[in-house]
Amino acid sequence: MDKKLIYKKIGRNIQNERKKLGLTQENFAELMDVSWSYVAKIEGGFQNFSIGKLIDIAGYLKIDVSELLKLD
């Protein structure tokens, strides 16, 4: 599977979980102490990020990291 496609799928999973919590990108960025554009790039699949950052994101979303890694 193409790396870009994996980032897009993970980004979509992050976006879906964020929306379930009723958070805007701006709210989520404030919670994570990052810029709104960083969140937008992650959700769009354009931002490279570490496994550590993915674990942090899962923590902010109050879900297991495996939920974000679902590629189906």
PDB file of N, CA and C in Angstrom:
ATOM      1  N   MET A   1       0.855  -1.187   0.000  1.00  0.00           N
ATOM      2  CA  MET A   1       0.000   0.000   0.000  1.00  0.00           C
ATOM      3  C   MET A   1       0.897   1.245   0.000  1.00  0.00           C
ATOM      4  N   ASP A   2       0.485   2.216  -0.749  1.00  0.00           N
ATOM      5  CA  ASP A   2       1.219   3.469  -0.899  1.00  0.00           C
ATOM      6  C   ASP A   2       1.225   4.264   0.421  1.00  0.00           C
ATOM      7  N   LYS A   3       2.374   4.801   0.763  1.00  0.00           N
ATOM      8  CA  LYS A   3       2.526   5.573   2.000  1.00  0.00           C
ATOM      9  C   LYS A   3       1.549   6.750   2.057  1.00  0.00           C
ATOM     10  N   LYS A   4       1.358   7.440   0.952  1.00  0.00           N
ATOM     11  CA  LYS A   4       0.438   8.583   0.934  1.00  0.00           C
ATOM     12  C   LYS A   4      -0.986   8.147   1.255  1.00  0.00           C
ATOM     13  N   LEU A   5      -1.376   7.000   0.729  1.00  0.00           N
ATOM     14  CA  LEU A   5      -2.721   6.484   0.983  1.00  0.00           C
ATOM     15  C   LEU A   5      -2.887   6.121   2.458  1.00  0.00           C
ATOM     16  N   ILE A   6      -1.860   5.576   3.058  1.00  0.00           N
ATOM     17  CA  ILE A   6      -1.908   5.238   4.488  1.00  0.00           C
ATOM     18  C   ILE A   6      -2.080   6.499   5.323  1.00  0.00           C
ATOM     19  N   TYR A   7      -1.324   7.540   5.025  1.00  0.00           N
ATOM     20  CA  TYR A   7      -1.467   8.803   5.755  1.00  0.00           C
ATOM     21  C   TYR A   7      -2.876   9.377   5.595  1.00  0.00           C
ATOM     22  N   LYS A   8      -3.445   9.270   4.391  1.00  0.00           N
ATOM     23  CA  LYS A   8      -4.803   9.781   4.174  1.00  0.00           C
ATOM     24  C   LYS A   8      -5.829   9.004   4.993  1.00  0.00           C
ATOM     25  N   LYS A   9      -5.685   7.685   5.032  1.00  0.00           N
ATOM     26  CA  LYS A   9      -6.631   6.866   5.793  1.00  0.00           C
ATOM     27  C   LYS A   9      -6.518   7.140   7.287  1.00  0.00           C
ATOM     28  N   ILE A  10      -5.304   7.257   7.786  1.00  0.00           N
ATOM     29  CA  ILE A  10      -5.115   7.575   9.205  1.00  0.00           C
ATOM     30  C   ILE A  10      -5.671   8.966   9.492  1.00  0.00           C
ATOM     31  N   GLY A  11      -5.413   9.915   8.597  1.00  0.00           N
ATOM     32  CA  GLY A  11      -5.939  11.267   8.757  1.00  0.00           C
ATOM     33  C   GLY A  11      -7.454  11.282   8.799  1.00  0.00           C
ATOM     34  N   ARG A  12      -8.076  10.483   7.963  1.00  0.00           N
ATOM     35  CA  ARG A  12      -9.535  10.392   7.942  1.00  0.00           C
ATOM     36  C   ARG A  12     -10.045   9.800   9.252  1.00  0.00           C
ATOM     37  N   ASN A  13      -9.335   8.791   9.771  1.00  0.00           N
ATOM     38  CA  ASN A  13      -9.716   8.200  11.057  1.00  0.00           C
ATOM     39  C   ASN A  13      -9.624   9.234  12.180  1.00  0.00           C
ATOM     40  N   ILE A  14      -8.564  10.032  12.164  1.00  0.00           N
ATOM     41  CA  ILE A  14      -8.403  11.080  13.169  1.00  0.00           C
ATOM     42  C   ILE A  14      -9.552  12.079  13.064  1.00  0.00           C
ATOM     43  N   GLN A  15      -9.851  12.488  11.851  1.00  0.00           N
ATOM     44  CA  GLN A  15     -10.936  13.443  11.631  1.00  0.00           C
ATOM     45  C   GLN A  15     -12.270  12.893  12.136  1.00  0.00           C
ATOM     46  N   ASN A  16     -12.562  11.645  11.816  1.00  0.00           N
ATOM     47  CA  ASN A  16     -13.823  11.037  12.248  1.00  0.00           C
ATOM     48  C   ASN A  16     -13.927  10.985  13.770  1.00  0.00           C
ATOM     49  N   GLU A  17     -12.854  10.614  14.440  1.00  0.00           N
ATOM     50  CA  GLU A  17     -12.862  10.521  15.900  1.00  0.00           C
ATOM     51  C   GLU A  17     -12.973  11.910  16.539  1.00  0.00           C
ATOM     52  N   ARG A  18     -12.301  12.887  15.936  1.00  0.00           N
ATOM     53  CA  ARG A  18     -12.387  14.268  16.428  1.00  0.00           C
ATOM     54  C   ARG A  18     -13.821  14.767  16.351  1.00  0.00           C
ATOM     55  N   LYS A  19     -14.458  14.500  15.225  1.00  0.00           N
ATOM     56  CA  LYS A  19     -15.837  14.952  15.033  1.00  0.00           C
ATOM     57  C   LYS A  19     -16.793  14.257  16.002  1.00  0.00           C
ATOM     58  N   LYS A  20     -16.533  12.978  16.317  1.00  0.00           N
ATOM     59  CA  LYS A  20     -17.362  12.264  17.295  1.00  0.00           C
ATOM     60  C   LYS A  20     -17.348  12.966  18.646  1.00  0.00           C
ATOM     61  N   LEU A  21     -16.212  13.600  18.963  1.00  0.00           N
ATOM     62  CA  LEU A  21     -16.094  14.331  20.220  1.00  0.00           C
ATOM     63  C   LEU A  21     -16.654  15.746  20.119  1.00  0.00           C
ATOM     64  N   GLY A  22     -17.104  16.131  18.931  1.00  0.00           N
ATOM     65  CA  GLY A  22     -17.677  17.464  18.743  1.00  0.00           C
ATOM     66  C   GLY A  22     -16.639  18.567  18.723  1.00  0.00           C
ATOM     67  N   LEU A  23     -15.409  18.220  18.358  1.00  0.00           N
ATOM     68  CA  LEU A  23     -14.328  19.208  18.328  1.00  0.00           C
ATOM     69  C   LEU A  23     -14.098  19.716  16.908  1.00  0.00           C
ATOM     70  N   THR A  24     -13.875  21.008  16.782  1.00  0.00           N
ATOM     71  CA  THR A  24     -13.439  21.571  15.507  1.00  0.00           C
ATOM     72  C   THR A  24     -11.933  21.351  15.386  1.00  0.00           C
ATOM     73  N   GLN A  25     -11.406  21.584  14.203  1.00  0.00           N
ATOM     74  CA  GLN A  25      -9.953  21.500  14.049  1.00  0.00           C
ATOM     75  C   GLN A  25      -9.264  22.501  14.967  1.00  0.00           C
ATOM     76  N   GLU A  26      -9.848  23.663  15.104  1.00  0.00           N
ATOM     77  CA  GLU A  26      -9.263  24.695  15.957  1.00  0.00           C
ATOM     78  C   GLU A  26      -9.256  24.262  17.425  1.00  0.00           C
ATOM     79  N   ASN A  27     -10.392  23.692  17.887  1.00  0.00           N
ATOM     80  CA  ASN A  27     -10.466  23.202  19.273  1.00  0.00           C
ATOM     81  C   ASN A  27      -9.433  22.112  19.511  1.00  0.00           C
ATOM     82  N   PHE A  28      -9.348  21.192  18.561  1.00  0.00           N
ATOM     83  CA  PHE A  28      -8.422  20.075  18.702  1.00  0.00           C
ATOM     84  C   PHE A  28      -6.975  20.560  18.691  1.00  0.00           C
ATOM     85  N   ALA A  29      -6.686  21.537  17.849  1.00  0.00           N
ATOM     86  CA  ALA A  29      -5.332  22.107  17.798  1.00  0.00           C
ATOM     87  C   ALA A  29      -4.967  22.742  19.137  1.00  0.00           C
ATOM     88  N   GLU A  30      -5.905  23.463  19.738  1.00  0.00           N
ATOM     89  CA  GLU A  30      -5.656  24.065  21.051  1.00  0.00           C
ATOM     90  C   GLU A  30      -5.390  22.990  22.098  1.00  0.00           C
ATOM     91  N   LEU A  31      -6.183  21.927  22.072  1.00  0.00           N
ATOM     92  CA  LEU A  31      -6.009  20.823  23.005  1.00  0.00           C
ATOM     93  C   LEU A  31      -4.622  20.193  22.861  1.00  0.00           C
ATOM     94  N   MET A  32      -4.172  20.057  21.621  1.00  0.00           N
ATOM     95  CA  MET A  32      -2.873  19.444  21.349  1.00  0.00           C
ATOM     96  C   MET A  32      -1.716  20.435  21.466  1.00  0.00           C
ATOM     97  N   ASP A  33      -2.028  21.726  21.583  1.00  0.00           N
ATOM     98  CA  ASP A  33      -1.026  22.782  21.615  1.00  0.00           C
ATOM     99  C   ASP A  33      -0.194  22.822  20.327  1.00  0.00           C
ATOM    100  N   VAL A  34      -0.927  22.752  19.213  1.00  0.00           N
ATOM    101  CA  VAL A  34      -0.321  22.859  17.887  1.00  0.00           C
ATOM    102  C   VAL A  34      -1.154  23.846  17.072  1.00  0.00           C
ATOM    103  N   SER A  35      -0.712  24.148  15.880  1.00  0.00           N
ATOM    104  CA  SER A  35      -1.460  25.070  15.031  1.00  0.00           C
ATOM    105  C   SER A  35      -2.626  24.362  14.349  1.00  0.00           C
ATOM    106  N   TRP A  36      -3.618  25.151  13.976  1.00  0.00           N
ATOM    107  CA  TRP A  36      -4.763  24.623  13.242  1.00  0.00           C
ATOM    108  C   TRP A  36      -4.299  23.994  11.936  1.00  0.00           C
ATOM    109  N   SER A  37      -3.334  24.610  11.274  1.00  0.00           N
ATOM    110  CA  SER A  37      -2.885  24.096   9.977  1.00  0.00           C
ATOM    111  C   SER A  37      -2.207  22.727  10.121  1.00  0.00           C
ATOM    112  N   TYR A  38      -1.560  22.483  11.264  1.00  0.00           N
ATOM    113  CA  TYR A  38      -0.932  21.182  11.508  1.00  0.00           C
ATOM    114  C   TYR A  38      -2.010  20.094  11.570  1.00  0.00           C
ATOM    115  N   VAL A  39      -3.093  20.365  12.282  1.00  0.00           N
ATOM    116  CA  VAL A  39      -4.203  19.416  12.373  1.00  0.00           C
ATOM    117  C   VAL A  39      -4.802  19.197  10.979  1.00  0.00           C
ATOM    118  N   ALA A  40      -5.009  20.268  10.236  1.00  0.00           N
ATOM    119  CA  ALA A  40      -5.580  20.163   8.888  1.00  0.00           C
ATOM    120  C   ALA A  40      -4.686  19.308   7.988  1.00  0.00           C
ATOM    121  N   LYS A  41      -3.375  19.478   8.089  1.00  0.00           N
ATOM    122  CA  LYS A  41      -2.444  18.693   7.266  1.00  0.00           C
ATOM    123  C   LYS A  41      -2.454  17.228   7.663  1.00  0.00           C
ATOM    124  N   ILE A  42      -2.533  16.935   8.963  1.00  0.00           N
ATOM    125  CA  ILE A  42      -2.603  15.541   9.414  1.00  0.00           C
ATOM    126  C   ILE A  42      -3.882  14.894   8.898  1.00  0.00           C
ATOM    127  N   GLU A  43      -5.002  15.577   9.086  1.00  0.00           N
ATOM    128  CA  GLU A  43      -6.281  15.009   8.657  1.00  0.00           C
ATOM    129  C   GLU A  43      -6.369  14.851   7.142  1.00  0.00           C
ATOM    130  N   GLY A  44      -5.688  15.700   6.422  1.00  0.00           N
ATOM    131  CA  GLY A  44      -5.683  15.613   4.962  1.00  0.00           C
ATOM    132  C   GLY A  44      -4.699  14.603   4.410  1.00  0.00           C
ATOM    133  N   GLY A  45      -3.865  14.046   5.285  1.00  0.00           N
ATOM    134  CA  GLY A  45      -2.875  13.068   4.860  1.00  0.00           C
ATOM    135  C   GLY A  45      -1.624  13.676   4.277  1.00  0.00           C
ATOM    136  N   PHE A  46      -1.403  14.962   4.549  1.00  0.00           N
ATOM    137  CA  PHE A  46      -0.253  15.667   3.975  1.00  0.00           C
ATOM    138  C   PHE A  46       0.910  15.829   4.947  1.00  0.00           C
ATOM    139  N   GLN A  47       0.691  15.553   6.227  1.00  0.00           N
ATOM    140  CA  GLN A  47       1.700  15.786   7.259  1.00  0.00           C
ATOM    141  C   GLN A  47       2.310  14.462   7.713  1.00  0.00           C
ATOM    142  N   ASN A  48       3.620  14.360   7.610  1.00  0.00           N
ATOM    143  CA  ASN A  48       4.336  13.214   8.150  1.00  0.00           C
ATOM    144  C   ASN A  48       4.398  13.387   9.670  1.00  0.00           C
ATOM    145  N   PHE A  49       4.155  12.320  10.423  1.00  0.00           N
ATOM    146  CA  PHE A  49       4.221  12.418  11.881  1.00  0.00           C
ATOM    147  C   PHE A  49       4.756  11.119  12.454  1.00  0.00           C
ATOM    148  N   SER A  50       5.250  11.200  13.675  1.00  0.00           N
ATOM    149  CA  SER A  50       5.872  10.045  14.320  1.00  0.00           C
ATOM    150  C   SER A  50       4.832   9.149  14.981  1.00  0.00           C
ATOM    151  N   ILE A  51       5.253   7.960  15.318  1.00  0.00           N
ATOM    152  CA  ILE A  51       4.385   7.045  16.070  1.00  0.00           C
ATOM    153  C   ILE A  51       4.077   7.664  17.427  1.00  0.00           C
ATOM    154  N   GLY A  52       5.039   8.334  18.010  1.00  0.00           N
ATOM    155  CA  GLY A  52       4.809   9.002  19.293  1.00  0.00           C
ATOM    156  C   GLY A  52       3.696  10.031  19.186  1.00  0.00           C
ATOM    157  N   LYS A  53       3.677  10.793  18.103  1.00  0.00           N
ATOM    158  CA  LYS A  53       2.624  11.794  17.890  1.00  0.00           C
ATOM    159  C   LYS A  53       1.282  11.103  17.693  1.00  0.00           C
ATOM    160  N   LEU A  54       1.268   9.971  16.987  1.00  0.00           N
ATOM    161  CA  LEU A  54       0.026   9.231  16.788  1.00  0.00           C
ATOM    162  C   LEU A  54      -0.524   8.725  18.128  1.00  0.00           C
ATOM    163  N   ILE A  55       0.355   8.264  18.991  1.00  0.00           N
ATOM    164  CA  ILE A  55      -0.051   7.823  20.328  1.00  0.00           C
ATOM    165  C   ILE A  55      -0.619   8.996  21.113  1.00  0.00           C
ATOM    166  N   ASP A  56       0.024  10.159  21.008  1.00  0.00           N
ATOM    167  CA  ASP A  56      -0.488  11.368  21.670  1.00  0.00           C
ATOM    168  C   ASP A  56      -1.878  11.725  21.155  1.00  0.00           C
ATOM    169  N   ILE A  57      -2.055  11.679  19.841  1.00  0.00           N
ATOM    170  CA  ILE A  57      -3.344  12.014  19.239  1.00  0.00           C
ATOM    171  C   ILE A  57      -4.422  11.065  19.749  1.00  0.00           C
ATOM    172  N   ALA A  58      -4.110   9.776  19.788  1.00  0.00           N
ATOM    173  CA  ALA A  58      -5.075   8.792  20.306  1.00  0.00           C
ATOM    174  C   ALA A  58      -5.449   9.124  21.748  1.00  0.00           C
ATOM    175  N   GLY A  59      -4.473   9.552  22.526  1.00  0.00           N
ATOM    176  CA  GLY A  59      -4.748   9.937  23.910  1.00  0.00           C
ATOM    177  C   GLY A  59      -5.680  11.132  23.992  1.00  0.00           C
ATOM    178  N   TYR A  60      -5.453  12.134  23.161  1.00  0.00           N
ATOM    179  CA  TYR A  60      -6.336  13.310  23.144  1.00  0.00           C
ATOM    180  C   TYR A  60      -7.755  12.922  22.723  1.00  0.00           C
ATOM    181  N   LEU A  61      -7.849  11.922  21.838  1.00  0.00           N
ATOM    182  CA  LEU A  61      -9.150  11.479  21.353  1.00  0.00           C
ATOM    183  C   LEU A  61      -9.790  10.435  22.273  1.00  0.00           C
ATOM    184  N   LYS A  62      -9.032  10.015  23.286  1.00  0.00           N
ATOM    185  CA  LYS A  62      -9.514   9.032  24.275  1.00  0.00           C
ATOM    186  C   LYS A  62      -9.889   7.697  23.636  1.00  0.00           C
ATOM    187  N   ILE A  63      -9.031   7.270  22.696  1.00  0.00           N
ATOM    188  CA  ILE A  63      -9.230   5.985  22.042  1.00  0.00           C
ATOM    189  C   ILE A  63      -7.900   5.241  21.983  1.00  0.00           C
ATOM    190  N   ASP A  64      -7.967   3.963  21.678  1.00  0.00           N
ATOM    191  CA  ASP A  64      -6.760   3.168  21.494  1.00  0.00           C
ATOM    192  C   ASP A  64      -6.147   3.507  20.142  1.00  0.00           C
ATOM    193  N   VAL A  65      -4.841   3.551  20.090  1.00  0.00           N
ATOM    194  CA  VAL A  65      -4.150   3.904  18.851  1.00  0.00           C
ATOM    195  C   VAL A  65      -4.522   2.965  17.698  1.00  0.00           C
ATOM    196  N   SER A  66      -4.882   1.742  17.997  1.00  0.00           N
ATOM    197  CA  SER A  66      -5.262   0.795  16.947  1.00  0.00           C
ATOM    198  C   SER A  66      -6.476   1.283  16.146  1.00  0.00           C
ATOM    199  N   GLU A  67      -7.342   2.067  16.788  1.00  0.00           N
ATOM    200  CA  GLU A  67      -8.508   2.628  16.079  1.00  0.00           C
ATOM    201  C   GLU A  67      -8.077   3.570  14.954  1.00  0.00           C
ATOM    202  N   LEU A  68      -6.974   4.266  15.162  1.00  0.00           N
ATOM    203  CA  LEU A  68      -6.493   5.206  14.155  1.00  0.00           C
ATOM    204  C   LEU A  68      -5.745   4.509  13.020  1.00  0.00           C
ATOM    205  N   LEU A  69      -5.305   3.283  13.287  1.00  0.00           N
ATOM    206  CA  LEU A  69      -4.511   2.550  12.303  1.00  0.00           C
ATOM    207  C   LEU A  69      -5.338   1.651  11.394  1.00  0.00           C
ATOM    208  N   LYS A  70      -6.633   1.658  11.557  1.00  0.00           N
ATOM    209  CA  LYS A  70      -7.494   0.842  10.706  1.00  0.00           C
ATOM    210  C   LYS A  70      -7.457   1.387   9.276  1.00  0.00           C
ATOM    211  N   LEU A  71      -7.097   0.520   8.342  1.00  0.00           N
ATOM    212  CA  LEU A  71      -6.910   0.968   6.959  1.00  0.00           C
ATOM    213  C   LEU A  71      -7.985   0.468   6.015  1.00  0.00           C
ATOM    214  N   ASP A  72      -9.039  -0.123   6.510  1.00  0.00           N
ATOM    215  CA  ASP A  72     -10.079  -0.635   5.621  1.00  0.00           C
ATOM    216  C   ASP A  72     -11.112   0.394   5.279  1.00  0.00           C
TER     217      ASP A  72
END
